[in-house]
Structure formats: C-alpha cells, structure tokens
Amino acid sequence: MHFKLLIALVDDSKTDTVIDAAREAGATGTTVINNASGEGIEKSKTFFGLTLETQRDMLLMLVEEHLSRHILETISRVGEFDTQKGAGMAFQIDVEDAVGINHQIEKLTETVEDIL
C-alpha cells in the first residue's frame, strides 16, 4: 500500500469543517499544528507593529494514494481555497515509507478494494 501526505493550511475557523470533510472523503486521521503563520503574495497588514491576520492551522493527513486526489479536492472545496482569497491552500507529497499505521491499513484495504 502506498501513501501520500496531504498538507493543508487553513483558517482556524474552518479547521473542524475541513477535517470532517476529509474524514468523509476517506482520510483516517489528521494531525493539527495550531497557530501556523505565513505570508502570501501580499504582505500582511500591521497596526503599530501587530499583524492583523487570522490564525492558520496546518493539517497533516497520511492517506492512501488512490484516495488522495478525492480528499484533496474535497478539502479544497470545503475550505474555499480557490474561491475565497486567503482562505488557505493544500498540496500532496509522496511518502516513501511509513510505520505505525497497521491499524489504518486494515480499514483502508477494504475501502480501496471497493474503489478498484
């Protein structure tokens, strides 16, 4: 079984919604890193040295490769990444190897067999 790592940077107000949608789309779990910060094309606005931006969360999901594109598209739609400026972004990278996921592989095997 091969995996992809989905990384999503989302507005913290949408974190729970994105996680729920990812789970419904086939993700078996998510790690959340709170209070991630960054900067896009336009520099962040400040007021007396304080940044005026919302907090972001980083979501990490190790997903089976056959499910990854569907999950990625689902979280993009729910998070409004392509329709709302600054809503967030998500991408996937290949995972060469993973350990500690035997309990997830059992569930994923059934799901992937149904898809294929």
C-alpha atoms as a PDB file:
ATOM      1  CA  MET A   1       0.000   0.000   0.000  1.00  0.00           C
ATOM      2  CA  HIS A   2       1.324   3.452  -0.942  1.00  0.00           C
ATOM      3  CA  PHE A   3       0.599   6.738   0.779  1.00  0.00           C
ATOM      4  CA  LYS A   4       0.549  10.470   0.158  1.00  0.00           C
ATOM      5  CA  LEU A   5       0.919  13.199   2.740  1.00  0.00           C
ATOM      6  CA  LEU A   6      -1.712  15.893   2.364  1.00  0.00           C
ATOM      7  CA  ILE A   7      -0.746  19.203   3.906  1.00  0.00           C
ATOM      8  CA  ALA A   8      -3.433  21.850   4.255  1.00  0.00           C
ATOM      9  CA  LEU A   9      -3.031  25.347   5.632  1.00  0.00           C
ATOM     10  CA  VAL A  10      -6.451  26.584   6.684  1.00  0.00           C
ATOM     11  CA  ASP A  11      -8.009  29.462   8.551  1.00  0.00           C
ATOM     12  CA  ASP A  12      -8.505  28.215  12.102  1.00  0.00           C
ATOM     13  CA  SER A  13     -12.236  28.897  11.892  1.00  0.00           C
ATOM     14  CA  LYS A  14     -12.502  26.246   9.134  1.00  0.00           C
ATOM     15  CA  THR A  15     -10.275  23.579  10.676  1.00  0.00           C
ATOM     16  CA  ASP A  16     -13.061  21.375  12.054  1.00  0.00           C
ATOM     17  CA  THR A  17     -15.115  21.649   8.854  1.00  0.00           C
ATOM     18  CA  VAL A  18     -12.130  20.650   6.701  1.00  0.00           C
ATOM     19  CA  ILE A  19     -11.234  17.733   8.991  1.00  0.00           C
ATOM     20  CA  ASP A  20     -14.812  16.434   8.947  1.00  0.00           C
ATOM     21  CA  ALA A  21     -14.944  16.658   5.142  1.00  0.00           C
ATOM     22  CA  ALA A  22     -11.578  14.900   4.800  1.00  0.00           C
ATOM     23  CA  ARG A  23     -12.768  12.056   7.026  1.00  0.00           C
ATOM     24  CA  GLU A  24     -15.956  11.664   4.982  1.00  0.00           C
ATOM     25  CA  ALA A  25     -13.824  11.591   1.819  1.00  0.00           C
ATOM     26  CA  GLY A  26     -11.652   8.759   3.167  1.00  0.00           C
ATOM     27  CA  ALA A  27      -8.977  10.201   5.456  1.00  0.00           C
ATOM     28  CA  THR A  28      -8.420   8.051   8.535  1.00  0.00           C
ATOM     29  CA  GLY A  29      -6.909  10.746  10.724  1.00  0.00           C
ATOM     30  CA  THR A  30      -5.409  14.226  10.922  1.00  0.00           C
ATOM     31  CA  THR A  31      -2.639  15.884  12.894  1.00  0.00           C
ATOM     32  CA  VAL A  32      -3.274  19.573  13.598  1.00  0.00           C
ATOM     33  CA  ILE A  33      -0.495  22.071  14.207  1.00  0.00           C
ATOM     34  CA  ASN A  34      -2.065  25.216  15.626  1.00  0.00           C
ATOM     35  CA  ASN A  35      -1.038  28.806  15.049  1.00  0.00           C
ATOM     36  CA  ALA A  36       0.974  28.398  11.877  1.00  0.00           C
ATOM     37  CA  SER A  37       1.834  31.685  10.233  1.00  0.00           C
ATOM     38  CA  GLY A  38       2.986  32.704   6.811  1.00  0.00           C
ATOM     39  CA  GLU A  39       2.700  35.269   4.093  1.00  0.00           C
ATOM     40  CA  GLY A  40       1.237  35.188   0.605  1.00  0.00           C
ATOM     41  CA  ILE A  41       1.666  37.433  -2.414  1.00  0.00           C
ATOM     42  CA  GLU A  42       0.591  40.499  -0.489  1.00  0.00           C
ATOM     43  CA  LYS A  43       2.468  41.426   2.644  1.00  0.00           C
ATOM     44  CA  SER A  44       0.474  41.174   5.891  1.00  0.00           C
ATOM     45  CA  LYS A  45      -1.018  44.396   7.194  1.00  0.00           C
ATOM     46  CA  THR A  46       0.170  45.676  10.548  1.00  0.00           C
ATOM     47  CA  PHE A  47      -1.107  48.155  13.085  1.00  0.00           C
ATOM     48  CA  PHE A  48       1.565  49.583  15.387  1.00  0.00           C
ATOM     49  CA  GLY A  49       3.701  46.518  14.747  1.00  0.00           C
ATOM     50  CA  LEU A  50       0.933  43.965  15.391  1.00  0.00           C
ATOM     51  CA  THR A  51      -0.035  41.747  12.480  1.00  0.00           C
ATOM     52  CA  LEU A  52      -3.697  41.933  11.505  1.00  0.00           C
ATOM     53  CA  GLU A  53      -4.298  38.437  10.215  1.00  0.00           C
ATOM     54  CA  THR A  54      -6.261  35.410  11.270  1.00  0.00           C
ATOM     55  CA  GLN A  55      -4.562  32.354  12.702  1.00  0.00           C
ATOM     56  CA  ARG A  56      -3.894  29.363  10.494  1.00  0.00           C
ATOM     57  CA  ASP A  57      -3.716  25.693  11.299  1.00  0.00           C
ATOM     58  CA  MET A  58      -1.582  23.150   9.484  1.00  0.00           C
ATOM     59  CA  LEU A  59      -3.355  19.849   8.885  1.00  0.00           C
ATOM     60  CA  LEU A  60      -1.300  16.745   8.113  1.00  0.00           C
ATOM     61  CA  MET A  61      -3.069  13.689   6.707  1.00  0.00           C
ATOM     62  CA  LEU A  62      -1.396  10.448   5.687  1.00  0.00           C
ATOM     63  CA  VAL A  63      -3.779   8.990   3.110  1.00  0.00           C
ATOM     64  CA  GLU A  64      -3.829   6.058   0.707  1.00  0.00           C
ATOM     65  CA  GLU A  65      -2.692   7.167  -2.758  1.00  0.00           C
ATOM     66  CA  HIS A  66      -5.898   6.104  -4.560  1.00  0.00           C
ATOM     67  CA  LEU A  67      -7.952   8.295  -2.204  1.00  0.00           C
ATOM     68  CA  SER A  68      -5.599  11.280  -2.079  1.00  0.00           C
ATOM     69  CA  ARG A  69      -6.865  13.307  -5.057  1.00  0.00           C
ATOM     70  CA  HIS A  70     -10.501  12.958  -3.983  1.00  0.00           C
ATOM     71  CA  ILE A  71      -9.633  14.062  -0.434  1.00  0.00           C
ATOM     72  CA  LEU A  72      -7.532  16.963  -1.751  1.00  0.00           C
ATOM     73  CA  GLU A  73     -10.366  18.205  -3.978  1.00  0.00           C
ATOM     74  CA  THR A  74     -12.883  17.806  -1.149  1.00  0.00           C
ATOM     75  CA  ILE A  75     -10.900  19.862   1.362  1.00  0.00           C
ATOM     76  CA  SER A  76     -10.226  22.492  -1.298  1.00  0.00           C
ATOM     77  CA  ARG A  77     -13.947  22.855  -1.977  1.00  0.00           C
ATOM     78  CA  VAL A  78     -14.979  22.888   1.695  1.00  0.00           C
ATOM     79  CA  GLY A  79     -12.140  25.234   2.667  1.00  0.00           C
ATOM     80  CA  GLU A  80     -12.990  27.511  -0.273  1.00  0.00           C
ATOM     81  CA  PHE A  81      -9.322  27.630  -1.285  1.00  0.00           C
ATOM     82  CA  ASP A  82     -10.000  28.532  -4.928  1.00  0.00           C
ATOM     83  CA  THR A  83     -12.972  30.824  -4.383  1.00  0.00           C
ATOM     84  CA  GLN A  84     -12.009  32.951  -1.378  1.00  0.00           C
ATOM     85  CA  LYS A  85      -8.786  34.968  -1.283  1.00  0.00           C
ATOM     86  CA  GLY A  86      -6.526  33.933   1.583  1.00  0.00           C
ATOM     87  CA  ALA A  87      -8.728  31.008   2.637  1.00  0.00           C
ATOM     88  CA  GLY A  88      -5.858  28.541   2.538  1.00  0.00           C
ATOM     89  CA  MET A  89      -4.095  26.017   0.386  1.00  0.00           C
ATOM     90  CA  ALA A  90      -3.391  22.300   0.255  1.00  0.00           C
ATOM     91  CA  PHE A  91      -0.923  20.054  -1.527  1.00  0.00           C
ATOM     92  CA  GLN A  92       0.245  16.461  -1.505  1.00  0.00           C
ATOM     93  CA  ILE A  93       3.656  14.840  -1.493  1.00  0.00           C
ATOM     94  CA  ASP A  94       4.729  11.234  -1.992  1.00  0.00           C
ATOM     95  CA  VAL A  95       5.584   9.185   1.080  1.00  0.00           C
ATOM     96  CA  GLU A  96       8.338   6.651   0.574  1.00  0.00           C
ATOM     97  CA  ASP A  97       7.632   4.638   3.705  1.00  0.00           C
ATOM     98  CA  ALA A  98       5.555   4.806   6.890  1.00  0.00           C
ATOM     99  CA  VAL A  99       5.367   2.871  10.152  1.00  0.00           C
ATOM    100  CA  GLY A 100       2.822   2.765  12.949  1.00  0.00           C
ATOM    101  CA  ILE A 101      -0.188   2.598  10.649  1.00  0.00           C
ATOM    102  CA  ASN A 102      -1.079  -1.109  10.637  1.00  0.00           C
ATOM    103  CA  HIS A 103      -4.469  -0.440  12.242  1.00  0.00           C
ATOM    104  CA  GLN A 104      -5.313   2.021   9.444  1.00  0.00           C
ATOM    105  CA  ILE A 105      -4.171  -0.330   6.682  1.00  0.00           C
ATOM    106  CA  GLU A 106      -6.844  -2.880   7.628  1.00  0.00           C
ATOM    107  CA  LYS A 107      -9.623  -0.330   7.168  1.00  0.00           C
ATOM    108  CA  LEU A 108      -8.055   1.193   4.055  1.00  0.00           C
ATOM    109  CA  THR A 109      -7.660  -2.190   2.358  1.00  0.00           C
ATOM    110  CA  GLU A 110     -11.430  -2.692   2.340  1.00  0.00           C
ATOM    111  CA  THR A 111     -12.090   0.867   1.130  1.00  0.00           C
ATOM    112  CA  VAL A 112      -9.523   0.770  -1.677  1.00  0.00           C
ATOM    113  CA  GLU A 113     -10.663  -2.684  -2.855  1.00  0.00           C
ATOM    114  CA  ASP A 114     -14.195  -1.292  -3.243  1.00  0.00           C
ATOM    115  CA  ILE A 115     -12.871   1.609  -5.335  1.00  0.00           C
ATOM    116  CA  LEU A 116     -10.655  -0.527  -7.562  1.00  0.00           C
END
